[in-house]
Amino acid sequence: MSKVVEKISGKAKILGIKDSKEVISQNRSSEMFFAVVGPVGAGGSRVIESLKRACEESGYKTEWIKASTLISQWHEDNDSPLPSSTEKTLELVEAYQDAGDKMRKRDAAEVAREVLREIARRRAEATDVAYVQGEPVRPNNERRAYLIDSIRHPAEVSLLRRTYGSAFALVGVVCEEGRREKRILEKYFRKPRHHDQEVKDQVLRFMQRDSDDAGNKRGQHVAEAFFEADYFVDNSEDDPEGNKFALDEPLGRLVNIVAHDQVIRPTMEETAMHHAHSARVRSACLSRQVGAALVDSDGTVVATGVNEVPAAGGGVYGEGFGLPHDHEDHRCAFRETKFCSSNRQQNKIIDELIVALPELATVGDKLDLAARIRKTRLGGLIEFSRAVHAEMDALLSAGREGVSTVGTRLFVTTFPCHYCARHIVGAGVYEVQYIEPYPKSLAIELHSDAIETNPFEWMPPERKSMAEQRKGINEPPRPVAAPEPRNPGKVLFRPFVGVSPRMYTRAFEKTWRLKDKVTGNFEMEAPEWGDEWSPFTVGYPDLEAALTKKS
């Protein structure tokens, strides 16, 4: 008879079990771990509340883990207690930002390590065992969900994802910037000061530090952590009637996907972004990978694009069957002398600047001076890349096939740069959805007349065909009042929401049996070797030992 290993306080105990499937099953957990990441003012706590209700409705017991509480406790334990106040002020929140930075100086994922300790302590309490810090606490068979509020640094995401594997899901909270600023003002300042420029500047600095604490690697970098989310939900809309259940539907859908309470299929937007991500990984660019998918008004993906070097005859390198192209591959990563053309051209400009301004030579070491100049916008110039950007590749691909781009929607893994933005506008695209931010982009600044980022104020462009225009010209004039000036409309640039590409296959691939093969009646049954969400409670060396030990 084969055996199974049960982990108890780091030691192995042999139990009599029938077969290998039971070995695997015995060492799986029914726990889930949800973490929330979103910029200040996005409403992360509201998301946790909705997640809590959704999890409990699906039969999970829930534990709400607040990072702010753990940060406060850590500083008390280290004899540096944080200021306390019954009144919530921006200064108090900034003190917690400083406190988190201090913890991350010890370890970039120190806050997440405190989360792990708290989860283990809560599990011990729930399973009625004594908790000893640093000793493993084995979960029981109960469905339990740990809700972590909130992530502020990518290292925290990495630690949690590598610790809990497939049982971990990161929820990114999308919120329009103007709404976030308004919420912060209302929460931390008295209303008469809303129009005080000094206060507004303070709020903007606070928001910028939260998003990207430039120059401080161990500071808050929410923007970088955000685009690693597995699921995105939009909390931009303010609810004047106080409906706290507004997010229950999208977050209930996420929990239904994990719990397999019902059959869930992808939306058109999720499928389009999945196509964009699939295109993205084809890129051999030394700097970054970006993918795009162009979708027509019927929801059909009509073209995809990738940031890649163009090839003679149309398209880019890496396309087609067999070899990428019949001739030599001249992409930066594959030519004999490998280098980034963009960086090389930027450096030439910097060298010319130093030669043209001899007084710069007195500043110090030439290499150090060049490095400092590279940190300015000179080092961020993007026009010297040999690659066609993903958005432009998608539009060009549609053009080569004779597909109209007017009225289409573009899904792109990264916010478009200003070069792509003008082509997007000129191509007649109505809407752009993206995941990653792109700080170098001047798209909004340069094309504010044609681009809208607030979905609540968006009106799509409207263009009549030449036939419709002629019809209006040829019709006799009607005695009506003078029409109001028509809003020409704009292209909407907005963040993507739904299942992210990183989770798309795991979320929607059919791994469960959905019908009785004889009667054809609907029924859901998990895979006999366990589903795609259940993590192992032991490492693979323990499973090897259990499955190969002689009886």
Protein backbone atom coordinates (compact mmCIF):
# COMPACT_ATOMS: atom_id res chain seq x y z
CA MET A 1 0.00 0.00 0.00
CA SER A 2 1.37 3.42 -0.94
CA LYS A 3 1.86 6.12 1.68
CA VAL A 4 1.46 9.90 2.06
CA VAL A 5 3.52 12.40 4.03
CA GLU A 6 1.79 14.84 6.36
CA LYS A 7 3.82 17.90 7.39
CA ILE A 8 3.76 18.57 11.12
CA SER A 9 6.03 21.33 12.44
CA GLY A 10 8.47 20.81 9.61
CA LYS A 11 8.72 17.02 10.12
CA ALA A 12 7.23 14.20 8.06
CA LYS A 13 4.70 11.70 9.38
CA ILE A 14 3.66 8.71 7.27
CA LEU A 15 -0.07 7.99 6.91
CA GLY A 16 -1.68 5.02 5.22
CA ILE A 17 -3.44 6.28 2.05
CA LYS A 18 -4.75 4.32 -0.96
CA ASP A 19 -3.09 5.80 -4.05
CA SER A 20 -1.09 8.64 -5.58
CA LYS A 21 -4.13 10.82 -6.30
CA GLU A 22 -4.90 10.81 -2.59
CA VAL A 23 -1.30 11.74 -1.84
CA ILE A 24 -1.73 14.81 -4.01
CA SER A 25 -5.18 15.60 -2.63
CA GLN A 26 -4.05 15.23 0.99
CA ASN A 27 -1.36 17.85 0.42
CA ARG A 28 -3.51 20.48 -1.25
CA SER A 29 -5.14 23.45 0.43
CA SER A 30 -8.59 25.01 0.04
CA GLU A 31 -7.31 28.48 0.94
CA MET A 32 -7.24 31.55 -1.31
CA PHE A 33 -5.27 34.76 -0.96
CA PHE A 34 -6.56 38.01 -2.45
CA ALA A 35 -4.53 41.22 -2.26
CA VAL A 36 -5.65 44.67 -3.38
CA VAL A 37 -3.48 47.31 -5.05
CA GLY A 38 -4.66 50.73 -6.12
CA PRO A 39 -3.57 54.37 -5.97
CA VAL A 40 -4.61 56.53 -3.01
CA GLY A 41 -8.22 57.60 -3.28
CA ALA A 42 -9.15 54.60 -5.45
CA GLY A 43 -11.15 52.98 -2.64
CA GLY A 44 -9.27 49.80 -1.77
CA SER A 45 -11.27 49.22 1.42
CA ARG A 46 -14.51 49.28 -0.56
CA VAL A 47 -13.07 46.56 -2.79
CA ILE A 48 -12.13 44.43 0.24
CA GLU A 49 -15.65 44.76 1.64
CA SER A 50 -17.15 43.55 -1.65
CA LEU A 51 -14.61 40.72 -1.87
CA LYS A 52 -15.51 39.68 1.67
CA ARG A 53 -19.21 39.42 0.82
CA ALA A 54 -18.48 37.54 -2.42
CA CYS A 55 -16.17 35.05 -0.70
CA GLU A 56 -18.61 34.37 2.11
CA GLU A 57 -21.43 33.85 -0.38
CA SER A 58 -19.26 31.20 -2.08
CA GLY A 59 -18.63 29.39 1.20
CA TYR A 60 -15.27 30.86 2.20
CA LYS A 61 -14.49 31.98 5.72
CA THR A 62 -12.67 35.31 5.46
CA GLU A 63 -9.80 37.04 7.24
CA TRP A 64 -9.18 40.75 6.56
CA ILE A 65 -5.46 41.55 6.86
CA LYS A 66 -4.74 45.30 7.09
CA ALA A 67 -1.19 46.29 6.20
CA SER A 68 -1.55 49.62 8.05
CA THR A 69 -2.28 47.75 11.31
CA LEU A 70 0.76 45.54 10.82
CA ILE A 71 2.98 48.56 10.04
CA SER A 72 1.85 50.20 13.29
CA GLN A 73 2.47 46.99 15.27
CA TRP A 74 5.93 46.52 13.70
CA HIS A 75 6.99 49.99 14.83
CA GLU A 76 5.65 49.43 18.34
CA ASP A 77 7.65 46.20 18.55
CA ASN A 78 10.73 48.10 17.36
CA ASP A 79 10.33 50.94 19.89
CA SER A 80 9.30 53.56 17.33
CA PRO A 81 5.52 53.91 17.77
CA LEU A 82 3.61 55.91 15.19
CA PRO A 83 1.57 59.01 16.07
CA SER A 84 -2.06 58.29 16.92
CA SER A 85 -5.01 60.55 16.27
CA THR A 86 -8.78 60.22 16.25
CA GLU A 87 -8.89 62.62 13.29
CA LYS A 88 -7.73 61.35 9.91
CA THR A 89 -5.30 63.83 8.37
CA LEU A 90 -3.01 63.74 5.37
CA GLU A 91 -0.06 64.25 7.72
CA LEU A 92 -1.01 61.06 9.61
CA VAL A 93 -1.21 59.06 6.36
CA GLU A 94 2.15 60.47 5.28
CA ALA A 95 3.59 59.27 8.61
CA TYR A 96 2.45 55.76 7.67
CA GLN A 97 4.10 56.18 4.27
CA ASP A 98 7.37 57.04 6.06
CA ALA A 99 6.87 54.05 8.36
CA GLY A 100 6.43 51.67 5.41
CA ASP A 101 9.56 53.10 3.77
CA LYS A 102 11.51 52.45 6.97
CA MET A 103 10.41 48.81 6.99
CA ARG A 104 11.35 48.35 3.34
CA LYS A 105 14.86 49.64 4.05
CA ARG A 106 15.36 46.44 6.04
CA ASP A 107 13.80 44.26 3.33
CA ALA A 108 11.94 45.41 0.20
CA ALA A 109 9.16 42.93 1.10
CA GLU A 110 9.21 43.48 4.87
CA VAL A 111 5.57 44.59 4.96
CA ALA A 112 4.57 41.44 3.07
CA ARG A 113 6.58 39.34 5.52
CA GLU A 114 4.48 40.80 8.31
CA VAL A 115 1.40 39.83 6.29
CA LEU A 116 2.68 36.23 6.10
CA ARG A 117 3.21 36.14 9.87
CA GLU A 118 -0.30 37.44 10.48
CA ILE A 119 -1.83 34.90 8.09
CA ALA A 120 -0.02 32.06 9.85
CA ARG A 121 -1.15 33.38 13.24
CA ARG A 122 -4.78 33.66 12.08
CA ARG A 123 -4.67 30.14 10.60
CA ALA A 124 -3.34 28.76 13.86
CA GLU A 125 -6.16 30.46 15.72
CA ALA A 126 -8.76 29.15 13.26
CA THR A 127 -7.45 25.58 13.42
CA ASP A 128 -7.03 25.69 17.21
CA VAL A 129 -3.28 25.04 17.33
CA ALA A 130 -0.55 26.90 19.16
CA TYR A 131 1.24 29.44 16.96
CA VAL A 132 5.02 29.50 17.10
CA GLN A 133 6.54 32.18 14.87
CA GLY A 134 8.66 30.61 12.17
CA GLU A 135 6.99 27.20 12.46
CA PRO A 136 4.58 26.03 9.71
CA VAL A 137 0.85 25.99 10.41
CA ARG A 138 -0.92 23.39 8.30
CA PRO A 139 -4.35 24.43 6.94
CA ASN A 140 -7.38 22.21 7.39
CA ASN A 141 -9.88 21.42 4.64
CA GLU A 142 -12.05 24.49 5.20
CA ARG A 143 -12.45 27.06 2.47
CA ARG A 144 -10.73 30.17 3.79
CA ALA A 145 -9.89 33.42 2.02
CA TYR A 146 -7.32 35.93 3.29
CA LEU A 147 -8.00 39.48 2.06
CA ILE A 148 -4.87 41.65 2.12
CA ASP A 149 -5.30 45.45 2.21
CA SER A 150 -3.15 46.85 0.61
CA ILE A 151 -0.08 46.46 -1.65
CA ARG A 152 2.26 49.44 -2.11
CA HIS A 153 5.41 47.92 -3.65
CA PRO A 154 6.11 45.32 -6.39
CA ALA A 155 8.36 43.31 -4.04
CA GLU A 156 5.30 42.61 -1.90
CA VAL A 157 3.50 41.19 -4.94
CA SER A 158 6.47 39.00 -5.83
CA LEU A 159 6.78 37.57 -2.32
CA LEU A 160 3.07 36.79 -1.97
CA ARG A 161 2.80 35.31 -5.47
CA ARG A 162 5.84 33.08 -5.02
CA THR A 163 4.70 31.99 -1.57
CA TYR A 164 1.08 31.15 -2.41
CA GLY A 165 1.44 30.36 -6.10
CA SER A 166 -1.78 29.66 -7.96
CA ALA A 167 -3.88 30.41 -4.87
CA PHE A 168 -2.88 34.10 -4.98
CA ALA A 169 -4.78 36.74 -6.96
CA LEU A 170 -3.97 40.44 -7.07
CA VAL A 171 -6.87 42.83 -7.63
CA GLY A 172 -5.99 46.19 -9.21
CA VAL A 173 -8.37 49.08 -8.46
CA VAL A 174 -8.87 51.49 -11.35
CA CYS A 175 -10.04 55.02 -10.58
CA GLU A 176 -10.08 58.22 -12.63
CA GLU A 177 -7.46 60.66 -11.31
CA GLY A 178 -9.84 63.60 -10.84
CA ARG A 179 -12.15 61.45 -8.72
CA ARG A 180 -9.25 60.33 -6.54
CA GLU A 181 -8.11 63.90 -5.96
CA LYS A 182 -11.67 64.90 -5.02
CA ARG A 183 -12.00 62.01 -2.55
CA ILE A 184 -8.69 62.83 -0.86
CA LEU A 185 -9.70 66.49 -0.47
CA GLU A 186 -13.05 65.51 1.02
CA LYS A 187 -11.54 62.94 3.36
CA TYR A 188 -8.62 64.88 4.78
CA PHE A 189 -9.52 68.58 4.42
CA ARG A 190 -12.42 70.78 5.31
CA LYS A 191 -14.53 71.73 2.30
CA PRO A 192 -13.79 75.48 2.39
CA ARG A 193 -10.16 74.66 1.54
CA HIS A 194 -10.97 72.67 -1.62
CA HIS A 195 -9.97 75.57 -3.87
CA ASP A 196 -6.80 76.36 -1.92
CA GLN A 197 -3.95 75.88 -4.42
CA GLU A 198 -1.46 75.09 -1.66
CA VAL A 199 -3.71 72.25 -0.47
CA LYS A 200 -4.17 70.95 -4.02
CA ASP A 201 -0.41 70.96 -4.56
CA GLN A 202 0.04 69.01 -1.32
CA VAL A 203 -2.50 66.42 -2.48
CA LEU A 204 -0.82 66.06 -5.88
CA ARG A 205 2.58 65.53 -4.23
CA PHE A 206 1.01 62.93 -1.96
CA MET A 207 -0.54 61.13 -4.93
CA GLN A 208 2.75 61.22 -6.88
CA ARG A 209 4.72 59.78 -3.97
CA ASP A 210 2.19 56.98 -3.63
CA SER A 211 2.33 56.18 -7.36
CA ASP A 212 6.10 56.39 -7.84
CA ASP A 213 8.46 57.62 -5.14
CA ALA A 214 11.18 58.61 -7.61
CA GLY A 215 14.71 58.17 -6.34
CA ASN A 216 13.64 55.89 -3.49
CA LYS A 217 13.63 52.23 -4.54
CA ARG A 218 12.27 51.17 -1.16
CA GLY A 219 9.51 53.79 -1.21
CA GLN A 220 5.98 53.38 -2.49
CA HIS A 221 5.70 52.27 -6.12
CA VAL A 222 2.03 51.49 -6.54
CA ALA A 223 2.00 52.10 -10.31
CA GLU A 224 4.65 49.42 -10.83
CA ALA A 225 2.80 46.92 -8.61
CA PHE A 226 -0.57 47.77 -10.14
CA PHE A 227 -0.02 46.41 -13.64
CA GLU A 228 0.95 43.01 -12.16
CA ALA A 229 -2.69 42.51 -11.13
CA ASP A 230 -4.63 39.39 -12.09
CA TYR A 231 -7.98 41.18 -12.13
CA PHE A 232 -8.89 44.84 -12.57
CA VAL A 233 -12.01 46.53 -11.21
CA ASP A 234 -13.16 50.12 -11.75
CA ASN A 235 -14.14 52.16 -8.70
CA SER A 236 -14.25 55.56 -10.42
CA GLU A 237 -17.97 56.14 -10.18
CA ASP A 238 -19.10 57.98 -7.05
CA ASP A 239 -22.35 56.66 -5.67
CA PRO A 240 -24.56 59.53 -4.44
CA GLU A 241 -27.07 57.07 -2.96
CA GLY A 242 -24.43 55.31 -0.91
CA ASN A 243 -24.81 51.91 -2.56
CA LYS A 244 -21.95 50.02 -0.96
CA PHE A 245 -22.75 46.94 -3.04
CA ALA A 246 -21.86 48.52 -6.41
CA LEU A 247 -18.65 46.44 -6.76
CA ASP A 248 -20.19 43.16 -5.63
CA GLU A 249 -20.99 42.05 -9.17
CA PRO A 250 -17.51 42.36 -10.75
CA LEU A 251 -15.77 41.00 -7.64
CA GLY A 252 -18.36 38.26 -7.27
CA ARG A 253 -17.47 37.25 -10.82
CA LEU A 254 -13.80 36.91 -9.79
CA VAL A 255 -14.69 34.72 -6.82
CA ASN A 256 -17.04 32.63 -9.00
CA ILE A 257 -14.13 32.03 -11.39
CA VAL A 258 -11.92 30.83 -8.54
CA ALA A 259 -14.59 28.82 -6.72
CA HIS A 260 -16.19 27.39 -9.91
CA ASP A 261 -19.64 28.22 -8.57
CA GLN A 262 -20.83 28.74 -12.13
CA VAL A 263 -19.56 28.75 -15.70
CA ILE A 264 -17.91 32.09 -16.46
CA ARG A 265 -16.76 33.04 -19.97
CA PRO A 266 -14.48 35.92 -20.99
CA THR A 267 -15.77 39.28 -22.14
CA MET A 268 -14.81 40.61 -25.55
CA GLU A 269 -12.48 43.09 -23.83
CA GLU A 270 -10.70 40.32 -21.90
CA THR A 271 -10.22 38.28 -25.07
CA ALA A 272 -8.92 41.30 -26.99
CA MET A 273 -6.38 42.12 -24.28
CA HIS A 274 -5.34 38.47 -24.22
CA HIS A 275 -4.64 38.75 -27.98
CA ALA A 276 -2.61 41.91 -27.31
CA HIS A 277 -0.57 40.13 -24.65
CA SER A 278 0.01 37.12 -26.91
CA ALA A 279 1.33 39.48 -29.60
CA ARG A 280 3.50 41.22 -27.01
CA VAL A 281 5.65 38.22 -26.17
CA ARG A 282 6.82 37.95 -29.80
CA SER A 283 8.89 41.11 -29.42
CA ALA A 284 12.68 40.82 -29.28
CA CYS A 285 13.09 44.51 -28.28
CA LEU A 286 15.87 44.96 -25.72
CA SER A 287 13.89 47.61 -23.82
CA ARG A 288 10.33 46.32 -23.42
CA GLN A 289 7.62 44.16 -24.94
CA VAL A 290 4.31 45.76 -25.98
CA GLY A 291 1.37 44.19 -27.77
CA ALA A 292 -1.80 45.56 -29.35
CA ALA A 293 -5.07 44.18 -30.72
CA LEU A 294 -7.45 46.12 -32.97
CA VAL A 295 -11.14 45.24 -32.61
CA ASP A 296 -13.99 46.25 -34.92
CA SER A 297 -17.48 47.34 -33.87
CA ASP A 298 -18.68 43.70 -33.88
CA GLY A 299 -16.02 42.65 -31.38
CA THR A 300 -13.84 40.83 -33.92
CA VAL A 301 -10.06 41.11 -33.61
CA VAL A 302 -9.07 42.38 -37.05
CA ALA A 303 -5.34 42.92 -36.45
CA THR A 304 -2.63 42.55 -33.84
CA GLY A 305 0.65 44.39 -33.43
CA VAL A 306 3.96 44.14 -31.61
CA ASN A 307 6.82 46.53 -31.03
CA GLU A 308 9.31 45.10 -33.48
CA VAL A 309 11.69 46.09 -36.28
CA PRO A 310 9.98 46.46 -39.68
CA ALA A 311 11.00 44.10 -42.49
CA ALA A 312 11.07 44.89 -46.18
CA GLY A 313 7.94 43.75 -48.00
CA GLY A 314 5.62 44.59 -45.11
CA GLY A 315 5.17 43.59 -41.51
CA VAL A 316 7.88 43.07 -38.92
CA TYR A 317 10.57 40.52 -38.19
CA GLY A 318 9.40 37.32 -36.52
CA GLU A 319 6.23 36.89 -38.59
CA GLY A 320 5.41 34.07 -40.96
CA PHE A 321 6.06 30.32 -40.86
CA GLY A 322 9.47 28.76 -40.54
CA LEU A 323 12.33 31.23 -40.33
CA PRO A 324 11.37 34.81 -39.37
CA HIS A 325 12.44 35.97 -42.85
CA ASP A 326 14.35 34.50 -45.75
CA HIS A 327 17.15 37.01 -45.27
CA GLU A 328 19.40 37.74 -42.31
CA ASP A 329 17.70 38.85 -39.10
CA HIS A 330 18.85 42.40 -38.33
CA ARG A 331 17.05 42.94 -35.04
CA CYS A 332 19.19 44.36 -32.22
CA ALA A 333 19.08 41.08 -30.27
CA PHE A 334 20.22 38.92 -33.22
CA ARG A 335 22.71 40.92 -35.27
CA GLU A 336 26.40 40.18 -34.84
CA THR A 337 27.09 43.28 -32.74
CA LYS A 338 24.21 43.49 -30.27
CA PHE A 339 23.25 46.96 -29.05
CA CYS A 340 20.19 49.16 -28.62
CA SER A 341 20.01 51.70 -31.45
CA SER A 342 17.88 54.05 -29.37
CA ASN A 343 20.39 54.23 -26.53
CA ARG A 344 23.28 54.70 -28.95
CA GLN A 345 21.63 57.68 -30.66
CA GLN A 346 20.68 59.24 -27.31
CA ASN A 347 24.29 58.96 -26.17
CA LYS A 348 25.52 60.63 -29.35
CA ILE A 349 23.25 63.63 -28.65
CA ILE A 350 24.50 63.81 -25.05
CA ASP A 351 28.13 63.69 -26.21
CA GLU A 352 27.46 66.46 -28.76
CA LEU A 353 25.82 68.57 -26.02
CA ILE A 354 28.85 68.23 -23.74
CA VAL A 355 31.23 69.16 -26.59
CA ALA A 356 29.04 72.12 -27.64
CA LEU A 357 28.95 73.49 -24.08
CA PRO A 358 32.56 73.40 -22.81
CA GLU A 359 31.51 74.96 -19.51
CA LEU A 360 29.85 71.63 -18.66
CA ALA A 361 33.32 70.07 -18.51
CA THR A 362 33.94 71.93 -15.25
CA VAL A 363 31.00 70.17 -13.56
CA GLY A 364 32.94 66.98 -12.91
CA ASP A 365 33.67 63.58 -14.35
CA LYS A 366 32.48 63.26 -17.98
CA LEU A 367 30.94 59.82 -17.50
CA ASP A 368 29.09 60.96 -14.38
CA LEU A 369 27.90 64.07 -16.24
CA ALA A 370 26.62 61.96 -19.15
CA ALA A 371 24.79 59.67 -16.72
CA ARG A 372 23.11 62.67 -15.06
CA ILE A 373 22.04 64.07 -18.43
CA ARG A 374 20.59 60.68 -19.34
CA LYS A 375 18.21 61.08 -16.40
CA THR A 376 16.69 64.14 -18.08
CA ARG A 377 14.21 63.96 -20.95
CA LEU A 378 17.16 63.67 -23.36
CA GLY A 379 17.65 60.13 -22.07
CA GLY A 380 13.97 59.47 -22.63
CA LEU A 381 13.81 60.33 -26.31
CA ILE A 382 11.96 57.56 -28.11
CA GLU A 383 12.14 58.43 -31.80
CA PHE A 384 15.43 56.60 -32.41
CA SER A 385 14.07 53.11 -31.77
CA ARG A 386 14.16 50.91 -34.87
CA ALA A 387 10.96 49.16 -33.81
CA VAL A 388 7.52 49.99 -35.11
CA HIS A 389 5.39 50.45 -31.99
CA ALA A 390 2.71 47.84 -31.34
CA GLU A 391 -0.19 50.24 -31.90
CA MET A 392 1.22 51.40 -35.24
CA ASP A 393 1.96 47.82 -36.29
CA ALA A 394 -1.68 46.88 -35.63
CA LEU A 395 -2.98 49.86 -37.63
CA LEU A 396 -0.56 49.15 -40.51
CA SER A 397 -1.54 45.47 -40.51
CA ALA A 398 -5.21 46.44 -40.82
CA GLY A 399 -4.32 48.83 -43.66
CA ARG A 400 -2.41 46.15 -45.60
CA GLU A 401 -5.49 43.93 -45.42
CA GLY A 402 -7.84 46.73 -46.49
CA VAL A 403 -9.68 46.86 -43.13
CA SER A 404 -11.07 50.26 -42.13
CA THR A 405 -9.83 51.48 -38.76
CA VAL A 406 -12.61 54.07 -38.30
CA GLY A 407 -14.74 53.23 -35.28
CA THR A 408 -12.41 50.51 -33.99
CA ARG A 409 -11.16 49.94 -30.47
CA LEU A 410 -7.50 49.36 -29.67
CA PHE A 411 -6.33 47.19 -26.77
CA VAL A 412 -2.70 47.71 -25.85
CA THR A 413 -0.63 46.36 -22.98
CA THR A 414 1.03 49.74 -22.32
CA PHE A 415 -0.33 53.31 -22.48
CA PRO A 416 0.43 54.70 -25.97
CA CYS A 417 3.30 57.10 -26.49
CA HIS A 418 2.65 60.50 -28.12
CA TYR A 419 3.88 59.23 -31.50
CA CYS A 420 1.34 56.43 -31.49
CA ALA A 421 -1.37 58.71 -30.09
CA ARG A 422 -1.41 60.94 -33.17
CA HIS A 423 -1.66 57.89 -35.46
CA ILE A 424 -4.45 56.46 -33.33
CA VAL A 425 -6.40 59.71 -33.57
CA GLY A 426 -5.73 60.04 -37.30
CA ALA A 427 -6.79 56.42 -37.95
CA GLY A 428 -10.25 57.08 -36.54
CA VAL A 429 -9.96 54.76 -33.53
CA TYR A 430 -12.73 55.52 -31.02
CA GLU A 431 -11.35 53.95 -27.84
CA VAL A 432 -8.07 52.75 -26.38
CA GLN A 433 -7.76 50.44 -23.37
CA TYR A 434 -4.39 49.81 -21.69
CA ILE A 435 -2.86 48.13 -18.61
CA GLU A 436 0.62 49.51 -17.92
CA PRO A 437 1.24 53.25 -17.53
CA TYR A 438 3.93 54.94 -19.61
CA PRO A 439 5.31 58.02 -17.83
CA LYS A 440 7.32 59.19 -20.89
CA SER A 441 4.16 59.61 -22.96
CA LEU A 442 3.05 63.17 -23.75
CA ALA A 443 -0.10 61.95 -25.50
CA ILE A 444 -2.53 63.78 -23.23
CA GLU A 445 -0.46 66.98 -23.07
CA LEU A 446 -0.01 67.22 -26.85
CA HIS A 447 -3.41 65.95 -27.96
CA SER A 448 -5.84 67.09 -25.28
CA ASP A 449 -8.11 68.40 -28.06
CA ALA A 450 -8.56 64.85 -29.41
CA ILE A 451 -8.14 62.55 -26.38
CA GLU A 452 -10.42 62.13 -23.35
CA THR A 453 -9.44 60.18 -20.22
CA ASN A 454 -12.61 60.69 -18.19
CA PRO A 455 -15.20 58.10 -19.31
CA PHE A 456 -17.98 60.10 -17.67
CA GLU A 457 -17.36 63.05 -20.00
CA TRP A 458 -16.53 61.06 -23.14
CA MET A 459 -18.41 61.52 -26.40
CA PRO A 460 -17.13 59.34 -29.29
CA PRO A 461 -16.26 60.93 -32.62
CA GLU A 462 -19.00 60.81 -35.22
CA ARG A 463 -18.25 60.90 -38.93
CA LYS A 464 -20.81 60.68 -41.67
CA SER A 465 -20.08 58.86 -44.90
CA MET A 466 -19.77 60.91 -48.08
CA ALA A 467 -23.16 59.52 -49.18
CA GLU A 468 -24.77 60.77 -45.97
CA GLN A 469 -23.12 64.16 -46.37
CA ARG A 470 -24.34 64.48 -49.99
CA LYS A 471 -27.84 63.48 -48.94
CA GLY A 472 -27.88 66.30 -46.40
CA ILE A 473 -26.65 68.77 -49.03
CA ASN A 474 -29.20 67.74 -51.65
CA GLU A 475 -32.20 67.76 -49.31
CA PRO A 476 -34.23 70.99 -49.29
CA PRO A 477 -33.71 73.07 -46.14
CA ARG A 478 -36.23 72.53 -43.38
CA PRO A 479 -37.65 75.37 -41.26
CA VAL A 480 -36.04 74.34 -37.98
CA ALA A 481 -34.20 76.20 -35.28
CA ALA A 482 -30.48 76.66 -35.73
CA PRO A 483 -28.69 73.52 -34.46
CA GLU A 484 -26.40 73.75 -31.46
CA PRO A 485 -22.69 73.43 -32.23
CA ARG A 486 -21.89 69.71 -32.39
CA ASN A 487 -19.27 68.30 -30.05
CA PRO A 488 -16.75 66.70 -32.41
CA GLY A 489 -16.07 63.97 -29.84
CA LYS A 490 -12.75 62.53 -28.74
CA VAL A 491 -10.85 59.25 -28.50
CA LEU A 492 -11.26 57.67 -25.07
CA PHE A 493 -8.07 56.43 -23.37
CA ARG A 494 -9.02 54.36 -20.32
CA PRO A 495 -7.58 51.59 -18.14
CA PHE A 496 -8.58 48.01 -18.85
CA VAL A 497 -10.85 46.18 -16.39
CA GLY A 498 -11.56 42.46 -15.99
CA VAL A 499 -9.41 39.33 -16.01
CA SER A 500 -5.84 40.23 -16.93
CA PRO A 501 -3.90 38.32 -19.62
CA ARG A 502 -1.69 36.71 -16.97
CA MET A 503 -4.76 34.90 -15.55
CA TYR A 504 -6.81 34.48 -18.76
CA THR A 505 -6.06 30.83 -19.53
CA ARG A 506 -6.28 29.70 -15.90
CA ALA A 507 -9.59 31.51 -15.50
CA PHE A 508 -11.35 30.32 -18.65
CA GLU A 509 -9.80 27.06 -19.82
CA LYS A 510 -12.26 24.19 -19.40
CA THR A 511 -10.64 21.89 -16.83
CA TRP A 512 -13.80 20.91 -14.93
CA ARG A 513 -16.32 18.37 -16.23
CA LEU A 514 -19.57 20.21 -16.96
CA LYS A 515 -22.02 17.44 -17.85
CA ASP A 516 -22.98 13.85 -17.21
CA LYS A 517 -21.68 11.96 -20.24
CA VAL A 518 -24.67 9.61 -20.26
CA THR A 519 -27.63 11.90 -19.56
CA GLY A 520 -26.09 15.14 -20.81
CA ASN A 521 -27.36 16.91 -17.69
CA PHE A 522 -25.32 19.88 -16.47
CA GLU A 523 -23.09 19.20 -13.47
CA MET A 524 -19.73 20.59 -12.37
CA GLU A 525 -17.01 18.27 -11.15
CA ALA A 526 -13.45 19.23 -10.28
CA PRO A 527 -10.51 17.49 -12.00
CA GLU A 528 -9.62 14.31 -10.13
CA TRP A 529 -6.03 15.49 -9.65
CA GLY A 530 -7.10 18.86 -8.26
CA ASP A 531 -8.01 22.15 -9.89
CA GLU A 532 -5.76 24.96 -11.12
CA TRP A 533 -6.23 27.13 -8.02
CA SER A 534 -5.43 24.74 -5.14
CA PRO A 535 -1.85 25.18 -3.88
CA PHE A 536 0.29 22.47 -2.33
CA THR A 537 0.95 22.68 1.40
CA VAL A 538 4.35 20.99 1.02
CA GLY A 539 7.24 21.39 -1.39
CA TYR A 540 8.01 19.02 -4.24
CA PRO A 541 10.82 17.22 -2.30
CA ASP A 542 8.19 16.16 0.28
CA LEU A 543 5.84 14.95 -2.46
CA GLU A 544 8.70 13.04 -4.11
CA ALA A 545 9.47 11.34 -0.81
CA ALA A 546 5.83 10.46 -0.17
CA LEU A 547 5.23 9.10 -3.67
CA THR A 548 8.45 7.10 -3.99
CA LYS A 549 8.91 5.69 -0.48
CA LYS A 550 8.91 1.90 -0.39
CA SER A 551 5.98 0.34 1.48
